[in-house]
Amino acid sequence: MDLSTEKLRKKYMDNPPEGMTSEDIRRMSEDDLLDMDYFLNEDDPFDDGFGEEGFYIF
């Protein structure tokens, strides 16, 4: 395993996603871990920024 994968594993073991445990993360393959990280951090194509705090002109 490379260093970046180990950092991801530690990150998710310290704070597992909802519905998972640290043990689940420990047993994940490297590919599954990278897929999960991508899924959890991908940009939302429907997020247009509407409703974000800021200055609006009406």
PDB file of N, CA and C in Angstrom:
ATOM      1  N   MET A   1       0.839  -1.195   0.000  1.00  0.00           N
ATOM      2  CA  MET A   1       0.000   0.000   0.000  1.00  0.00           C
ATOM      3  C   MET A   1       0.875   1.246   0.000  1.00  0.00           C
ATOM      4  N   ASP A   2       0.428   2.232  -0.705  1.00  0.00           N
ATOM      5  CA  ASP A   2       1.207   3.456  -0.712  1.00  0.00           C
ATOM      6  C   ASP A   2       0.799   4.361   0.450  1.00  0.00           C
ATOM      7  N   LEU A   3       1.585   5.365   0.644  1.00  0.00           N
ATOM      8  CA  LEU A   3       1.395   6.261   1.788  1.00  0.00           C
ATOM      9  C   LEU A   3       0.047   6.974   1.748  1.00  0.00           C
ATOM     10  N   SER A   4      -0.386   7.390   0.558  1.00  0.00           N
ATOM     11  CA  SER A   4      -1.657   8.114   0.475  1.00  0.00           C
ATOM     12  C   SER A   4      -2.833   7.216   0.856  1.00  0.00           C
ATOM     13  N   THR A   5      -2.773   5.935   0.489  1.00  0.00           N
ATOM     14  CA  THR A   5      -3.840   5.007   0.857  1.00  0.00           C
ATOM     15  C   THR A   5      -3.860   4.799   2.361  1.00  0.00           C
ATOM     16  N   GLU A   6      -2.708   4.703   2.962  1.00  0.00           N
ATOM     17  CA  GLU A   6      -2.636   4.540   4.417  1.00  0.00           C
ATOM     18  C   GLU A   6      -3.205   5.773   5.130  1.00  0.00           C
ATOM     19  N   LYS A   7      -2.945   6.959   4.585  1.00  0.00           N
ATOM     20  CA  LYS A   7      -3.490   8.188   5.177  1.00  0.00           C
ATOM     21  C   LYS A   7      -5.018   8.188   5.084  1.00  0.00           C
ATOM     22  N   LEU A   8      -5.540   7.756   3.934  1.00  0.00           N
ATOM     23  CA  LEU A   8      -6.995   7.670   3.772  1.00  0.00           C
ATOM     24  C   LEU A   8      -7.589   6.664   4.753  1.00  0.00           C
ATOM     25  N   ARG A   9      -6.945   5.511   4.873  1.00  0.00           N
ATOM     26  CA  ARG A   9      -7.450   4.478   5.775  1.00  0.00           C
ATOM     27  C   ARG A   9      -7.509   5.016   7.208  1.00  0.00           C
ATOM     28  N   LYS A  10      -6.445   5.695   7.635  1.00  0.00           N
ATOM     29  CA  LYS A  10      -6.429   6.254   8.989  1.00  0.00           C
ATOM     30  C   LYS A  10      -7.523   7.307   9.149  1.00  0.00           C
ATOM     31  N   LYS A  11      -7.688   8.155   8.131  1.00  0.00           N
ATOM     32  CA  LYS A  11      -8.711   9.211   8.173  1.00  0.00           C
ATOM     33  C   LYS A  11     -10.090   8.602   8.396  1.00  0.00           C
ATOM     34  N   TYR A  12     -10.414   7.562   7.619  1.00  0.00           N
ATOM     35  CA  TYR A  12     -11.743   6.967   7.723  1.00  0.00           C
ATOM     36  C   TYR A  12     -11.888   6.048   8.936  1.00  0.00           C
ATOM     37  N   MET A  13     -10.794   5.494   9.426  1.00  0.00           N
ATOM     38  CA  MET A  13     -10.877   4.690  10.652  1.00  0.00           C
ATOM     39  C   MET A  13     -11.125   5.604  11.856  1.00  0.00           C
ATOM     40  N   ASP A  14     -10.523   6.779  11.844  1.00  0.00           N
ATOM     41  CA  ASP A  14     -10.714   7.738  12.938  1.00  0.00           C
ATOM     42  C   ASP A  14     -12.118   8.332  12.914  1.00  0.00           C
ATOM     43  N   ASN A  15     -12.704   8.450  11.729  1.00  0.00           N
ATOM     44  CA  ASN A  15     -14.030   9.043  11.587  1.00  0.00           C
ATOM     45  C   ASN A  15     -14.777   8.303  10.468  1.00  0.00           C
ATOM     46  N   PRO A  16     -15.275   7.095  10.758  1.00  0.00           N
ATOM     47  CA  PRO A  16     -15.907   6.303   9.698  1.00  0.00           C
ATOM     48  C   PRO A  16     -17.183   6.936   9.168  1.00  0.00           C
ATOM     49  N   PRO A  17     -17.458   6.734   7.875  1.00  0.00           N
ATOM     50  CA  PRO A  17     -18.713   7.235   7.299  1.00  0.00           C
ATOM     51  C   PRO A  17     -19.910   6.584   7.993  1.00  0.00           C
ATOM     52  N   GLU A  18     -21.041   7.247   7.926  1.00  0.00           N
ATOM     53  CA  GLU A  18     -22.259   6.745   8.554  1.00  0.00           C
ATOM     54  C   GLU A  18     -22.548   5.322   8.073  1.00  0.00           C
ATOM     55  N   GLY A  19     -22.857   4.451   9.013  1.00  0.00           N
ATOM     56  CA  GLY A  19     -23.189   3.073   8.688  1.00  0.00           C
ATOM     57  C   GLY A  19     -21.991   2.144   8.620  1.00  0.00           C
ATOM     58  N   MET A  20     -20.797   2.670   8.859  1.00  0.00           N
ATOM     59  CA  MET A  20     -19.587   1.845   8.818  1.00  0.00           C
ATOM     60  C   MET A  20     -18.874   1.933  10.154  1.00  0.00           C
ATOM     61  N   THR A  21     -18.014   0.960  10.412  1.00  0.00           N
ATOM     62  CA  THR A  21     -17.195   0.972  11.623  1.00  0.00           C
ATOM     63  C   THR A  21     -15.724   1.047  11.230  1.00  0.00           C
ATOM     64  N   SER A  22     -14.885   1.327  12.199  1.00  0.00           N
ATOM     65  CA  SER A  22     -13.440   1.354  11.958  1.00  0.00           C
ATOM     66  C   SER A  22     -12.961  -0.002  11.449  1.00  0.00           C
ATOM     67  N   GLU A  23     -13.552  -1.080  11.974  1.00  0.00           N
ATOM     68  CA  GLU A  23     -13.170  -2.423  11.538  1.00  0.00           C
ATOM     69  C   GLU A  23     -13.528  -2.653  10.066  1.00  0.00           C
ATOM     70  N   ASP A  24     -14.675  -2.118   9.628  1.00  0.00           N
ATOM     71  CA  ASP A  24     -15.047  -2.213   8.206  1.00  0.00           C
ATOM     72  C   ASP A  24     -13.971  -1.565   7.334  1.00  0.00           C
ATOM     73  N   ILE A  25     -13.530  -0.397   7.748  1.00  0.00           N
ATOM     74  CA  ILE A  25     -12.510   0.334   6.995  1.00  0.00           C
ATOM     75  C   ILE A  25     -11.200  -0.445   6.991  1.00  0.00           C
ATOM     76  N   ARG A  26     -10.838  -1.024   8.118  1.00  0.00           N
ATOM     77  CA  ARG A  26      -9.587  -1.781   8.245  1.00  0.00           C
ATOM     78  C   ARG A  26      -9.562  -2.949   7.255  1.00  0.00           C
ATOM     79  N   ARG A  27     -10.716  -3.581   7.015  1.00  0.00           N
ATOM     80  CA  ARG A  27     -10.782  -4.764   6.150  1.00  0.00           C
ATOM     81  C   ARG A  27     -10.971  -4.438   4.668  1.00  0.00           C
ATOM     82  N   MET A  28     -11.207  -3.182   4.323  1.00  0.00           N
ATOM     83  CA  MET A  28     -11.445  -2.813   2.923  1.00  0.00           C
ATOM     84  C   MET A  28     -10.180  -2.984   2.092  1.00  0.00           C
ATOM     85  N   SER A  29     -10.372  -3.406   0.837  1.00  0.00           N
ATOM     86  CA  SER A  29      -9.233  -3.460  -0.084  1.00  0.00           C
ATOM     87  C   SER A  29      -8.828  -2.027  -0.441  1.00  0.00           C
ATOM     88  N   GLU A  30      -7.647  -1.901  -0.982  1.00  0.00           N
ATOM     89  CA  GLU A  30      -7.160  -0.576  -1.383  1.00  0.00           C
ATOM     90  C   GLU A  30      -8.088   0.033  -2.435  1.00  0.00           C
ATOM     91  N   ASP A  31      -8.518  -0.788  -3.410  1.00  0.00           N
ATOM     92  CA  ASP A  31      -9.414  -0.286  -4.457  1.00  0.00           C
ATOM     93  C   ASP A  31     -10.750   0.170  -3.891  1.00  0.00           C
ATOM     94  N   ASP A  32     -11.313  -0.609  -2.962  1.00  0.00           N
ATOM     95  CA  ASP A  32     -12.590  -0.228  -2.353  1.00  0.00           C
ATOM     96  C   ASP A  32     -12.458   1.062  -1.555  1.00  0.00           C
ATOM     97  N   LEU A  33     -11.347   1.215  -0.874  1.00  0.00           N
ATOM     98  CA  LEU A  33     -11.102   2.427  -0.091  1.00  0.00           C
ATOM     99  C   LEU A  33     -11.024   3.651  -1.008  1.00  0.00           C
ATOM    100  N   LEU A  34     -10.311   3.522  -2.111  1.00  0.00           N
ATOM    101  CA  LEU A  34     -10.195   4.636  -3.049  1.00  0.00           C
ATOM    102  C   LEU A  34     -11.540   4.952  -3.705  1.00  0.00           C
ATOM    103  N   ASP A  35     -12.311   3.909  -4.038  1.00  0.00           N
ATOM    104  CA  ASP A  35     -13.648   4.129  -4.608  1.00  0.00           C
ATOM    105  C   ASP A  35     -14.546   4.859  -3.621  1.00  0.00           C
ATOM    106  N   MET A  36     -14.515   4.447  -2.355  1.00  0.00           N
ATOM    107  CA  MET A  36     -15.347   5.080  -1.331  1.00  0.00           C
ATOM    108  C   MET A  36     -14.946   6.550  -1.177  1.00  0.00           C
ATOM    109  N   ASP A  37     -13.649   6.822  -1.143  1.00  0.00           N
ATOM    110  CA  ASP A  37     -13.179   8.193  -0.994  1.00  0.00           C
ATOM    111  C   ASP A  37     -13.632   9.046  -2.172  1.00  0.00           C
ATOM    112  N   TYR A  38     -13.553   8.516  -3.378  1.00  0.00           N
ATOM    113  CA  TYR A  38     -14.002   9.250  -4.559  1.00  0.00           C
ATOM    114  C   TYR A  38     -15.494   9.558  -4.456  1.00  0.00           C
ATOM    115  N   PHE A  39     -16.274   8.542  -4.096  1.00  0.00           N
ATOM    116  CA  PHE A  39     -17.720   8.705  -3.983  1.00  0.00           C
ATOM    117  C   PHE A  39     -18.084   9.757  -2.938  1.00  0.00           C
ATOM    118  N   LEU A  40     -17.396   9.749  -1.805  1.00  0.00           N
ATOM    119  CA  LEU A  40     -17.708  10.690  -0.728  1.00  0.00           C
ATOM    120  C   LEU A  40     -17.249  12.112  -1.029  1.00  0.00           C
ATOM    121  N   ASN A  41     -16.331  12.266  -1.973  1.00  0.00           N
ATOM    122  CA  ASN A  41     -15.759  13.595  -2.220  1.00  0.00           C
ATOM    123  C   ASN A  41     -15.963  14.119  -3.628  1.00  0.00           C
ATOM    124  N   GLU A  42     -16.719  13.394  -4.451  1.00  0.00           N
ATOM    125  CA  GLU A  42     -16.927  13.879  -5.815  1.00  0.00           C
ATOM    126  C   GLU A  42     -17.801  15.131  -5.795  1.00  0.00           C
ATOM    127  N   ASP A  43     -17.612  15.971  -6.774  1.00  0.00           N
ATOM    128  CA  ASP A  43     -18.413  17.196  -6.876  1.00  0.00           C
ATOM    129  C   ASP A  43     -19.838  16.843  -7.258  1.00  0.00           C
ATOM    130  N   ASP A  44     -20.784  17.529  -6.675  1.00  0.00           N
ATOM    131  CA  ASP A  44     -22.190  17.320  -6.987  1.00  0.00           C
ATOM    132  C   ASP A  44     -22.521  18.097  -8.255  1.00  0.00           C
ATOM    133  N   PRO A  45     -22.866  17.385  -9.354  1.00  0.00           N
ATOM    134  CA  PRO A  45     -23.141  18.102 -10.607  1.00  0.00           C
ATOM    135  C   PRO A  45     -24.376  18.989 -10.533  1.00  0.00           C
ATOM    136  N   PHE A  46     -25.220  18.795  -9.529  1.00  0.00           N
ATOM    137  CA  PHE A  46     -26.436  19.590  -9.394  1.00  0.00           C
ATOM    138  C   PHE A  46     -26.265  20.749  -8.405  1.00  0.00           C
ATOM    139  N   ASP A  47     -25.078  20.886  -7.851  1.00  0.00           N
ATOM    140  CA  ASP A  47     -24.820  21.954  -6.892  1.00  0.00           C
ATOM    141  C   ASP A  47     -24.475  23.224  -7.655  1.00  0.00           C
ATOM    142  N   ASP A  48     -25.441  24.142  -7.732  1.00  0.00           N
ATOM    143  CA  ASP A  48     -25.205  25.390  -8.460  1.00  0.00           C
ATOM    144  C   ASP A  48     -24.892  26.550  -7.522  1.00  0.00           C
ATOM    145  N   GLY A  49     -24.739  26.234  -6.237  1.00  0.00           N
ATOM    146  CA  GLY A  49     -24.409  27.280  -5.279  1.00  0.00           C
ATOM    147  C   GLY A  49     -25.613  28.038  -4.779  1.00  0.00           C
ATOM    148  N   PHE A  50     -26.802  27.718  -5.279  1.00  0.00           N
ATOM    149  CA  PHE A  50     -28.003  28.420  -4.838  1.00  0.00           C
ATOM    150  C   PHE A  50     -28.221  28.188  -3.360  1.00  0.00           C
ATOM    151  N   GLY A  51     -28.515  29.250  -2.657  1.00  0.00           N
ATOM    152  CA  GLY A  51     -28.780  29.155  -1.229  1.00  0.00           C
ATOM    153  C   GLY A  51     -27.537  29.313  -0.372  1.00  0.00           C
ATOM    154  N   GLU A  52     -26.376  29.458  -1.000  1.00  0.00           N
ATOM    155  CA  GLU A  52     -25.183  29.673  -0.209  1.00  0.00           C
ATOM    156  C   GLU A  52     -25.204  31.072   0.376  1.00  0.00           C
ATOM    157  N   GLU A  53     -24.552  31.210   1.506  1.00  0.00           N
ATOM    158  CA  GLU A  53     -24.491  32.507   2.152  1.00  0.00           C
ATOM    159  C   GLU A  53     -23.704  33.464   1.268  1.00  0.00           C
ATOM    160  N   GLY A  54     -24.198  34.645   1.126  1.00  0.00           N
ATOM    161  CA  GLY A  54     -23.495  35.611   0.293  1.00  0.00           C
ATOM    162  C   GLY A  54     -24.345  36.835   0.043  1.00  0.00           C
ATOM    163  N   PHE A  55     -23.963  37.622  -0.940  1.00  0.00           N
ATOM    164  CA  PHE A  55     -24.634  38.859  -1.269  1.00  0.00           C
ATOM    165  C   PHE A  55     -25.541  38.630  -2.465  1.00  0.00           C
ATOM    166  N   TYR A  56     -26.803  38.973  -2.315  1.00  0.00           N
ATOM    167  CA  TYR A  56     -27.758  38.777  -3.401  1.00  0.00           C
ATOM    168  C   TYR A  56     -28.414  40.110  -3.736  1.00  0.00           C
ATOM    169  N   ILE A  57     -28.665  40.336  -5.012  1.00  0.00           N
ATOM    170  CA  ILE A  57     -29.389  41.513  -5.467  1.00  0.00           C
ATOM    171  C   ILE A  57     -30.739  41.045  -5.977  1.00  0.00           C
ATOM    172  N   PHE A  58     -31.813  41.623  -5.423  1.00  0.00           N
ATOM    173  CA  PHE A  58     -33.161  41.228  -5.833  1.00  0.00           C
ATOM    174  C   PHE A  58     -33.851  42.367  -6.517  1.00  0.00           C
TER     175      PHE A  58
END
